[in-house]
Amino acid sequence: MNNVSTAFGDSLIMLRRNLRHTLRNPLVVFNAVLFPIVLMLMFVKVLGGAFSVGEDYIDYATPGMLVMAVSYGLGSTSAAVNDDMRKGVINRFKAMDVSRGAVLTGQVVVTTVRCLVACAAIVGVAYALGFDPPADALDWLGVLGLITLLTFATSWLTVALGLAAKTAESAGLATVPLVMLPFLSSAIVPADTMGAGVRQFAQYQPFTPIIETLRGLLAGHPSSGDAIAAVAWCAGLSVIGYAWAVSTFKKRA
């Protein structure tokens, strides 16, 4: 019990430290919270009229924008983890007998919090633009749960990328595929409207079933097939990211 309470206390300390770093860095706040809002305004107000999706574009785009808000908050986490490793901060924590797990968990939790704040901002802007989903409280709870699960999974994968990278710059670049994947999914337009090759990639990549599950939940009629695939992808990414992060951390720390 004492070990558990110590690890929990160390995790809270790391969380507070990482939150302070986030608030002191305007670029991190912009990329994580404000830039997804800029993207939403651009796609809905500037480009939305050019897309035929069979419904109000704001209703179609909001689930994809939620996933984009998650992906855009990952780059700073990878760079921060790598920066701690290169500057010897981790070794100082070891000398202070700080739980190793707390160092990684603190980064995952602060990324999750940051992404959830960004998603809340996206929903607020969506309502201001006319978003009015028929989802009930249970559907919204499902949306929150899936977004949290997605953020948790991608956060561990991002931490692993940061630990494996040689420099902070390469750590930031390593997350670019995670940022770009939502653009090659059904976030902006239906996958069925895409050209051959791109269409198949969009249909079978991890973010599309997640977006479609969110879309179904917000519409009040989620698809069980998409939901199972979404949870499976999140679980798989979590396991891979966690195992990779812990293994790399043990080798480098």
C-alpha atoms as a PDB file:
ATOM      1  CA  MET A   1       0.000   0.000   0.000  1.00  0.00           C
ATOM      2  CA  ASN A   2       2.877   2.327   0.836  1.00  0.00           C
ATOM      3  CA  ASN A   3       4.441   1.767  -2.602  1.00  0.00           C
ATOM      4  CA  VAL A   4       1.116   2.438  -4.276  1.00  0.00           C
ATOM      5  CA  SER A   5       0.547   5.662  -2.346  1.00  0.00           C
ATOM      6  CA  THR A   6       4.124   6.788  -3.072  1.00  0.00           C
ATOM      7  CA  ALA A   7       3.722   6.157  -6.805  1.00  0.00           C
ATOM      8  CA  PHE A   8       0.362   7.980  -6.769  1.00  0.00           C
ATOM      9  CA  GLY A   9       1.879  10.953  -4.948  1.00  0.00           C
ATOM     10  CA  ASP A  10       4.824  11.061  -7.361  1.00  0.00           C
ATOM     11  CA  SER A  11       2.390  10.955 -10.303  1.00  0.00           C
ATOM     12  CA  LEU A  12       0.519  13.967  -8.917  1.00  0.00           C
ATOM     13  CA  ILE A  13       3.805  15.854  -8.556  1.00  0.00           C
ATOM     14  CA  MET A  14       4.758  15.047 -12.165  1.00  0.00           C
ATOM     15  CA  LEU A  15       1.283  16.054 -13.322  1.00  0.00           C
ATOM     16  CA  ARG A  16       1.547  19.415 -11.566  1.00  0.00           C
ATOM     17  CA  ARG A  17       5.013  19.970 -13.032  1.00  0.00           C
ATOM     18  CA  ASN A  18       3.878  19.181 -16.577  1.00  0.00           C
ATOM     19  CA  LEU A  19       0.764  21.343 -16.247  1.00  0.00           C
ATOM     20  CA  ARG A  20       2.917  24.290 -15.252  1.00  0.00           C
ATOM     21  CA  HIS A  21       5.179  23.726 -18.236  1.00  0.00           C
ATOM     22  CA  THR A  22       2.144  23.633 -20.509  1.00  0.00           C
ATOM     23  CA  LEU A  23       0.669  26.866 -19.155  1.00  0.00           C
ATOM     24  CA  ARG A  24       4.024  28.641 -19.442  1.00  0.00           C
ATOM     25  CA  ASN A  25       4.378  27.732 -23.122  1.00  0.00           C
ATOM     26  CA  PRO A  26       1.934  29.699 -25.334  1.00  0.00           C
ATOM     27  CA  LEU A  27       2.885  27.634 -28.412  1.00  0.00           C
ATOM     28  CA  VAL A  28       1.785  24.423 -26.706  1.00  0.00           C
ATOM     29  CA  VAL A  29      -1.549  25.995 -25.741  1.00  0.00           C
ATOM     30  CA  PHE A  30      -2.048  27.308 -29.285  1.00  0.00           C
ATOM     31  CA  ASN A  31      -1.277  23.986 -30.967  1.00  0.00           C
ATOM     32  CA  ALA A  32      -3.358  21.987 -28.531  1.00  0.00           C
ATOM     33  CA  VAL A  33      -6.418  24.214 -28.101  1.00  0.00           C
ATOM     34  CA  LEU A  34      -6.559  27.169 -30.467  1.00  0.00           C
ATOM     35  CA  PHE A  35      -5.285  25.648 -33.714  1.00  0.00           C
ATOM     36  CA  PRO A  36      -7.992  22.931 -33.855  1.00  0.00           C
ATOM     37  CA  ILE A  37     -10.556  25.735 -33.468  1.00  0.00           C
ATOM     38  CA  VAL A  38      -8.926  27.600 -36.368  1.00  0.00           C
ATOM     39  CA  LEU A  39      -9.125  24.434 -38.475  1.00  0.00           C
ATOM     40  CA  MET A  40     -12.773  23.985 -37.592  1.00  0.00           C
ATOM     41  CA  LEU A  41     -13.643  27.541 -38.583  1.00  0.00           C
ATOM     42  CA  MET A  42     -11.730  27.127 -41.847  1.00  0.00           C
ATOM     43  CA  PHE A  43     -13.388  23.860 -42.853  1.00  0.00           C
ATOM     44  CA  VAL A  44     -16.909  24.768 -41.715  1.00  0.00           C
ATOM     45  CA  LYS A  45     -17.107  28.438 -42.681  1.00  0.00           C
ATOM     46  CA  VAL A  46     -14.690  28.621 -45.628  1.00  0.00           C
ATOM     47  CA  LEU A  47     -14.714  25.176 -47.270  1.00  0.00           C
ATOM     48  CA  GLY A  48     -17.807  23.518 -45.852  1.00  0.00           C
ATOM     49  CA  GLY A  49     -20.114  24.736 -48.612  1.00  0.00           C
ATOM     50  CA  ALA A  50     -18.080  22.833 -51.201  1.00  0.00           C
ATOM     51  CA  PHE A  51     -18.677  19.450 -49.551  1.00  0.00           C
ATOM     52  CA  SER A  52     -21.819  17.389 -50.085  1.00  0.00           C
ATOM     53  CA  VAL A  53     -22.224  15.082 -47.102  1.00  0.00           C
ATOM     54  CA  GLY A  54     -26.000  14.671 -46.933  1.00  0.00           C
ATOM     55  CA  GLU A  55     -26.389  16.723 -43.719  1.00  0.00           C
ATOM     56  CA  ASP A  56     -25.379  20.050 -42.239  1.00  0.00           C
ATOM     57  CA  TYR A  57     -21.631  20.163 -42.558  1.00  0.00           C
ATOM     58  CA  ILE A  58     -21.138  21.293 -38.952  1.00  0.00           C
ATOM     59  CA  ASP A  59     -22.877  18.099 -37.793  1.00  0.00           C
ATOM     60  CA  TYR A  60     -20.674  16.002 -40.057  1.00  0.00           C
ATOM     61  CA  ALA A  61     -17.386  17.760 -39.279  1.00  0.00           C
ATOM     62  CA  THR A  62     -17.544  18.032 -35.485  1.00  0.00           C
ATOM     63  CA  PRO A  63     -16.589  14.382 -34.713  1.00  0.00           C
ATOM     64  CA  GLY A  64     -13.588  14.645 -37.026  1.00  0.00           C
ATOM     65  CA  MET A  65     -12.549  17.929 -35.444  1.00  0.00           C
ATOM     66  CA  LEU A  66     -12.627  16.274 -32.021  1.00  0.00           C
ATOM     67  CA  VAL A  67     -10.153  13.665 -33.224  1.00  0.00           C
ATOM     68  CA  MET A  68      -8.002  16.369 -34.827  1.00  0.00           C
ATOM     69  CA  ALA A  69      -7.981  18.212 -31.494  1.00  0.00           C
ATOM     70  CA  VAL A  70      -6.518  15.072 -29.926  1.00  0.00           C
ATOM     71  CA  SER A  71      -3.860  14.564 -32.602  1.00  0.00           C
ATOM     72  CA  TYR A  72      -2.722  18.201 -32.596  1.00  0.00           C
ATOM     73  CA  GLY A  73      -2.006  18.032 -28.866  1.00  0.00           C
ATOM     74  CA  LEU A  74       0.541  15.218 -29.162  1.00  0.00           C
ATOM     75  CA  GLY A  75       3.628  16.882 -30.654  1.00  0.00           C
ATOM     76  CA  SER A  76       4.483  18.873 -27.551  1.00  0.00           C
ATOM     77  CA  THR A  77       4.308  15.740 -25.396  1.00  0.00           C
ATOM     78  CA  SER A  78       6.818  13.887 -27.550  1.00  0.00           C
ATOM     79  CA  ALA A  79       9.195  16.849 -27.528  1.00  0.00           C
ATOM     80  CA  ALA A  80       8.832  17.323 -23.749  1.00  0.00           C
ATOM     81  CA  VAL A  81       9.594  13.668 -23.002  1.00  0.00           C
ATOM     82  CA  ASN A  82      12.642  13.747 -25.246  1.00  0.00           C
ATOM     83  CA  ASP A  83      13.827  17.024 -23.726  1.00  0.00           C
ATOM     84  CA  ASP A  84      13.668  15.539 -20.223  1.00  0.00           C
ATOM     85  CA  MET A  85      15.713  12.561 -21.343  1.00  0.00           C
ATOM     86  CA  ARG A  86      18.419  14.587 -23.111  1.00  0.00           C
ATOM     87  CA  LYS A  87      18.856  17.175 -20.362  1.00  0.00           C
ATOM     88  CA  GLY A  88      19.274  14.623 -17.594  1.00  0.00           C
ATOM     89  CA  VAL A  89      16.077  15.550 -15.764  1.00  0.00           C
ATOM     90  CA  ILE A  90      15.150  11.883 -15.517  1.00  0.00           C
ATOM     91  CA  ASN A  91      18.451  11.085 -13.802  1.00  0.00           C
ATOM     92  CA  ARG A  92      17.761  13.811 -11.259  1.00  0.00           C
ATOM     93  CA  PHE A  93      14.377  12.274 -10.549  1.00  0.00           C
ATOM     94  CA  LYS A  94      16.086   8.908 -10.061  1.00  0.00           C
ATOM     95  CA  ALA A  95      18.482  10.467  -7.538  1.00  0.00           C
ATOM     96  CA  MET A  96      15.444  11.850  -5.694  1.00  0.00           C
ATOM     97  CA  ASP A  97      13.898   8.362  -5.599  1.00  0.00           C
ATOM     98  CA  VAL A  98      10.910   9.422  -7.698  1.00  0.00           C
ATOM     99  CA  SER A  99       8.839   6.531  -9.062  1.00  0.00           C
ATOM    100  CA  ARG A 100       9.869   5.767 -12.645  1.00  0.00           C
ATOM    101  CA  GLY A 101       6.294   5.027 -13.609  1.00  0.00           C
ATOM    102  CA  ALA A 102       5.222   8.445 -12.347  1.00  0.00           C
ATOM    103  CA  VAL A 103       7.503  10.200 -14.846  1.00  0.00           C
ATOM    104  CA  LEU A 104       5.723   8.602 -17.805  1.00  0.00           C
ATOM    105  CA  THR A 105       2.263   8.599 -16.263  1.00  0.00           C
ATOM    106  CA  GLY A 106       2.503  12.334 -15.556  1.00  0.00           C
ATOM    107  CA  GLN A 107       3.074  13.018 -19.258  1.00  0.00           C
ATOM    108  CA  VAL A 108       0.182  10.778 -20.296  1.00  0.00           C
ATOM    109  CA  VAL A 109      -2.250  12.350 -17.829  1.00  0.00           C
ATOM    110  CA  VAL A 110      -1.352  15.956 -18.678  1.00  0.00           C
ATOM    111  CA  THR A 111      -1.725  15.160 -22.399  1.00  0.00           C
ATOM    112  CA  THR A 112      -5.127  13.623 -21.731  1.00  0.00           C
ATOM    113  CA  VAL A 113      -6.243  16.668 -19.748  1.00  0.00           C
ATOM    114  CA  ARG A 114      -4.965  19.042 -22.421  1.00  0.00           C
ATOM    115  CA  CYS A 115      -6.738  17.156 -25.207  1.00  0.00           C
ATOM    116  CA  LEU A 116     -10.009  16.982 -23.270  1.00  0.00           C
ATOM    117  CA  VAL A 117      -9.882  20.766 -22.767  1.00  0.00           C
ATOM    118  CA  ALA A 118      -9.294  21.178 -26.509  1.00  0.00           C
ATOM    119  CA  CYS A 119     -12.255  18.889 -27.277  1.00  0.00           C
ATOM    120  CA  ALA A 120     -14.482  20.857 -24.895  1.00  0.00           C
ATOM    121  CA  ALA A 121     -13.487  24.040 -26.732  1.00  0.00           C
ATOM    122  CA  ILE A 122     -14.300  22.392 -30.071  1.00  0.00           C
ATOM    123  CA  VAL A 123     -17.759  21.392 -28.840  1.00  0.00           C
ATOM    124  CA  GLY A 124     -18.389  24.917 -27.558  1.00  0.00           C
ATOM    125  CA  VAL A 125     -17.417  26.466 -30.902  1.00  0.00           C
ATOM    126  CA  ALA A 126     -19.494  23.858 -32.749  1.00  0.00           C
ATOM    127  CA  TYR A 127     -22.588  24.852 -30.783  1.00  0.00           C
ATOM    128  CA  ALA A 128     -21.875  28.497 -31.589  1.00  0.00           C
ATOM    129  CA  LEU A 129     -21.806  27.523 -35.290  1.00  0.00           C
ATOM    130  CA  GLY A 130     -25.164  25.760 -35.142  1.00  0.00           C
ATOM    131  CA  PHE A 131     -24.291  22.263 -33.983  1.00  0.00           C
ATOM    132  CA  ASP A 132     -27.352  20.663 -32.395  1.00  0.00           C
ATOM    133  CA  PRO A 133     -26.979  16.861 -32.098  1.00  0.00           C
ATOM    134  CA  PRO A 134     -29.858  14.633 -30.932  1.00  0.00           C
ATOM    135  CA  ALA A 135     -27.507  12.716 -28.613  1.00  0.00           C
ATOM    136  CA  ASP A 136     -28.758  12.008 -25.104  1.00  0.00           C
ATOM    137  CA  ALA A 137     -26.735  11.940 -21.889  1.00  0.00           C
ATOM    138  CA  LEU A 138     -25.694   8.306 -22.405  1.00  0.00           C
ATOM    139  CA  ASP A 139     -24.485   9.075 -25.935  1.00  0.00           C
ATOM    140  CA  TRP A 140     -22.439  12.024 -24.657  1.00  0.00           C
ATOM    141  CA  LEU A 141     -20.957   9.784 -21.984  1.00  0.00           C
ATOM    142  CA  GLY A 142     -19.924   7.395 -24.745  1.00  0.00           C
ATOM    143  CA  VAL A 143     -18.315  10.282 -26.654  1.00  0.00           C
ATOM    144  CA  LEU A 144     -16.366  11.309 -23.560  1.00  0.00           C
ATOM    145  CA  GLY A 145     -15.278   7.755 -22.893  1.00  0.00           C
ATOM    146  CA  LEU A 146     -14.085   7.143 -26.454  1.00  0.00           C
ATOM    147  CA  ILE A 147     -12.222  10.476 -26.636  1.00  0.00           C
ATOM    148  CA  THR A 148     -10.522   9.700 -23.316  1.00  0.00           C
ATOM    149  CA  LEU A 149      -9.590   6.211 -24.495  1.00  0.00           C
ATOM    150  CA  LEU A 150      -8.212   7.586 -27.778  1.00  0.00           C
ATOM    151  CA  THR A 151      -6.195  10.243 -25.962  1.00  0.00           C
ATOM    152  CA  PHE A 152      -4.833   7.694 -23.496  1.00  0.00           C
ATOM    153  CA  ALA A 153      -3.785   5.359 -26.324  1.00  0.00           C
ATOM    154  CA  THR A 154      -2.141   8.004 -28.503  1.00  0.00           C
ATOM    155  CA  SER A 155      -0.475   9.590 -25.469  1.00  0.00           C
ATOM    156  CA  TRP A 156       1.384   6.385 -24.620  1.00  0.00           C
ATOM    157  CA  LEU A 157       2.389   5.988 -28.258  1.00  0.00           C
ATOM    158  CA  THR A 158       3.602   9.596 -28.292  1.00  0.00           C
ATOM    159  CA  VAL A 159       5.597   9.121 -25.090  1.00  0.00           C
ATOM    160  CA  ALA A 160       7.252   6.086 -26.691  1.00  0.00           C
ATOM    161  CA  LEU A 161       8.118   8.125 -29.794  1.00  0.00           C
ATOM    162  CA  GLY A 162       9.634  10.849 -27.635  1.00  0.00           C
ATOM    163  CA  LEU A 163      11.748   8.362 -25.709  1.00  0.00           C
ATOM    164  CA  ALA A 164      12.983   6.685 -28.893  1.00  0.00           C
ATOM    165  CA  ALA A 165      13.880   9.920 -30.729  1.00  0.00           C
ATOM    166  CA  LYS A 166      17.442  11.246 -30.647  1.00  0.00           C
ATOM    167  CA  THR A 167      16.545  14.953 -30.598  1.00  0.00           C
ATOM    168  CA  ALA A 168      13.566  17.103 -29.614  1.00  0.00           C
ATOM    169  CA  GLU A 169      13.113  18.104 -33.265  1.00  0.00           C
ATOM    170  CA  SER A 170      12.922  14.492 -34.443  1.00  0.00           C
ATOM    171  CA  ALA A 171      10.573  13.734 -31.541  1.00  0.00           C
ATOM    172  CA  GLY A 172       8.179  16.404 -32.779  1.00  0.00           C
ATOM    173  CA  LEU A 173       8.439  15.153 -36.350  1.00  0.00           C
ATOM    174  CA  ALA A 174       7.729  11.589 -35.230  1.00  0.00           C
ATOM    175  CA  THR A 175       4.171  12.591 -34.323  1.00  0.00           C
ATOM    176  CA  VAL A 176       3.420  14.046 -37.775  1.00  0.00           C
ATOM    177  CA  PRO A 177       1.794  10.778 -39.013  1.00  0.00           C
ATOM    178  CA  LEU A 178      -0.607  10.919 -36.056  1.00  0.00           C
ATOM    179  CA  VAL A 179      -1.442  14.521 -36.962  1.00  0.00           C
ATOM    180  CA  MET A 180      -1.952  13.717 -40.645  1.00  0.00           C
ATOM    181  CA  LEU A 181      -3.998  10.511 -40.272  1.00  0.00           C
ATOM    182  CA  PRO A 182      -7.283  12.337 -39.481  1.00  0.00           C
ATOM    183  CA  PHE A 183      -6.970  14.216 -42.785  1.00  0.00           C
ATOM    184  CA  LEU A 184      -6.823  10.843 -44.563  1.00  0.00           C
ATOM    185  CA  SER A 185      -9.929   9.529 -42.834  1.00  0.00           C
ATOM    186  CA  SER A 186     -13.642  10.312 -42.929  1.00  0.00           C
ATOM    187  CA  ALA A 187     -13.112  13.411 -40.770  1.00  0.00           C
ATOM    188  CA  ILE A 188     -13.592  15.962 -43.551  1.00  0.00           C
ATOM    189  CA  VAL A 189     -15.455  14.073 -46.281  1.00  0.00           C
ATOM    190  CA  PRO A 190     -16.910  10.538 -46.481  1.00  0.00           C
ATOM    191  CA  ALA A 191     -14.326   7.907 -47.372  1.00  0.00           C
ATOM    192  CA  ASP A 192     -16.622   6.659 -50.165  1.00  0.00           C
ATOM    193  CA  THR A 193     -16.070   9.896 -52.097  1.00  0.00           C
ATOM    194  CA  MET A 194     -12.286   9.485 -52.227  1.00  0.00           C
ATOM    195  CA  GLY A 195     -10.267   8.106 -55.090  1.00  0.00           C
ATOM    196  CA  ALA A 196      -9.088   4.517 -55.355  1.00  0.00           C
ATOM    197  CA  GLY A 197      -6.237   3.703 -52.998  1.00  0.00           C
ATOM    198  CA  VAL A 198      -6.879   6.652 -50.729  1.00  0.00           C
ATOM    199  CA  ARG A 199     -10.431   5.393 -50.157  1.00  0.00           C
ATOM    200  CA  GLN A 200      -9.234   1.967 -49.021  1.00  0.00           C
ATOM    201  CA  PHE A 201      -6.594   3.499 -46.775  1.00  0.00           C
ATOM    202  CA  ALA A 202      -9.167   5.814 -45.192  1.00  0.00           C
ATOM    203  CA  GLN A 203     -11.586   2.979 -44.583  1.00  0.00           C
ATOM    204  CA  TYR A 204      -9.103   0.709 -42.818  1.00  0.00           C
ATOM    205  CA  GLN A 205      -6.929   3.121 -40.865  1.00  0.00           C
ATOM    206  CA  PRO A 206      -7.576   3.461 -37.087  1.00  0.00           C
ATOM    207  CA  PHE A 207      -9.088   6.944 -36.956  1.00  0.00           C
ATOM    208  CA  THR A 208     -11.987   6.301 -39.343  1.00  0.00           C
ATOM    209  CA  PRO A 209     -13.935   3.841 -37.120  1.00  0.00           C
ATOM    210  CA  ILE A 210     -13.271   6.122 -34.146  1.00  0.00           C
ATOM    211  CA  ILE A 211     -14.676   9.118 -36.005  1.00  0.00           C
ATOM    212  CA  GLU A 212     -17.636   7.127 -37.305  1.00  0.00           C
ATOM    213  CA  THR A 213     -18.397   5.897 -33.777  1.00  0.00           C
ATOM    214  CA  LEU A 214     -18.332   9.467 -32.471  1.00  0.00           C
ATOM    215  CA  ARG A 215     -20.536  10.527 -35.376  1.00  0.00           C
ATOM    216  CA  GLY A 216     -23.015   7.770 -34.617  1.00  0.00           C
ATOM    217  CA  LEU A 217     -23.080   8.580 -30.893  1.00  0.00           C
ATOM    218  CA  LEU A 218     -23.723  12.265 -31.550  1.00  0.00           C
ATOM    219  CA  ALA A 219     -26.434  11.362 -34.050  1.00  0.00           C
ATOM    220  CA  GLY A 220     -28.069   9.074 -31.482  1.00  0.00           C
ATOM    221  CA  HIS A 221     -27.574   5.817 -33.412  1.00  0.00           C
ATOM    222  CA  PRO A 222     -24.024   4.431 -33.040  1.00  0.00           C
ATOM    223  CA  SER A 223     -22.887   1.460 -35.105  1.00  0.00           C
ATOM    224  CA  SER A 224     -21.800  -1.530 -33.045  1.00  0.00           C
ATOM    225  CA  GLY A 225     -19.352  -2.586 -35.766  1.00  0.00           C
ATOM    226  CA  ASP A 226     -17.594   0.793 -35.779  1.00  0.00           C
ATOM    227  CA  ALA A 227     -17.642   0.915 -31.975  1.00  0.00           C
ATOM    228  CA  ILE A 228     -15.977  -2.496 -31.630  1.00  0.00           C
ATOM    229  CA  ALA A 229     -13.326  -1.559 -34.188  1.00  0.00           C
ATOM    230  CA  ALA A 230     -12.741   1.819 -32.477  1.00  0.00           C
ATOM    231  CA  VAL A 231     -12.256   0.284 -29.019  1.00  0.00           C
ATOM    232  CA  ALA A 232     -10.044  -2.462 -30.472  1.00  0.00           C
ATOM    233  CA  TRP A 233      -7.802   0.083 -32.197  1.00  0.00           C
ATOM    234  CA  CYS A 234      -7.525   2.171 -29.020  1.00  0.00           C
ATOM    235  CA  ALA A 235      -6.751  -0.883 -26.903  1.00  0.00           C
ATOM    236  CA  GLY A 236      -4.147  -2.094 -29.365  1.00  0.00           C
ATOM    237  CA  LEU A 237      -2.437   1.298 -29.594  1.00  0.00           C
ATOM    238  CA  SER A 238      -2.446   1.547 -25.789  1.00  0.00           C
ATOM    239  CA  VAL A 239      -0.738  -1.822 -25.362  1.00  0.00           C
ATOM    240  CA  ILE A 240       1.841  -1.124 -28.077  1.00  0.00           C
ATOM    241  CA  GLY A 241       2.555   2.394 -26.827  1.00  0.00           C
ATOM    242  CA  TYR A 242       2.817   1.355 -23.172  1.00  0.00           C
ATOM    243  CA  ALA A 243       5.067  -1.644 -23.849  1.00  0.00           C
ATOM    244  CA  TRP A 244       7.308   0.378 -26.168  1.00  0.00           C
ATOM    245  CA  ALA A 245       7.512   3.331 -23.770  1.00  0.00           C
ATOM    246  CA  VAL A 246       8.356   1.219 -20.714  1.00  0.00           C
ATOM    247  CA  SER A 247      10.941  -0.832 -22.620  1.00  0.00           C
ATOM    248  CA  THR A 248      12.667   2.248 -24.057  1.00  0.00           C
ATOM    249  CA  PHE A 249      12.547   4.059 -20.725  1.00  0.00           C
ATOM    250  CA  LYS A 250      14.275   1.156 -18.950  1.00  0.00           C
ATOM    251  CA  LYS A 251      17.033   1.150 -21.578  1.00  0.00           C
ATOM    252  CA  ARG A 252      17.656   4.915 -21.609  1.00  0.00           C
ATOM    253  CA  ALA A 253      16.870   6.080 -18.069  1.00  0.00           C
END
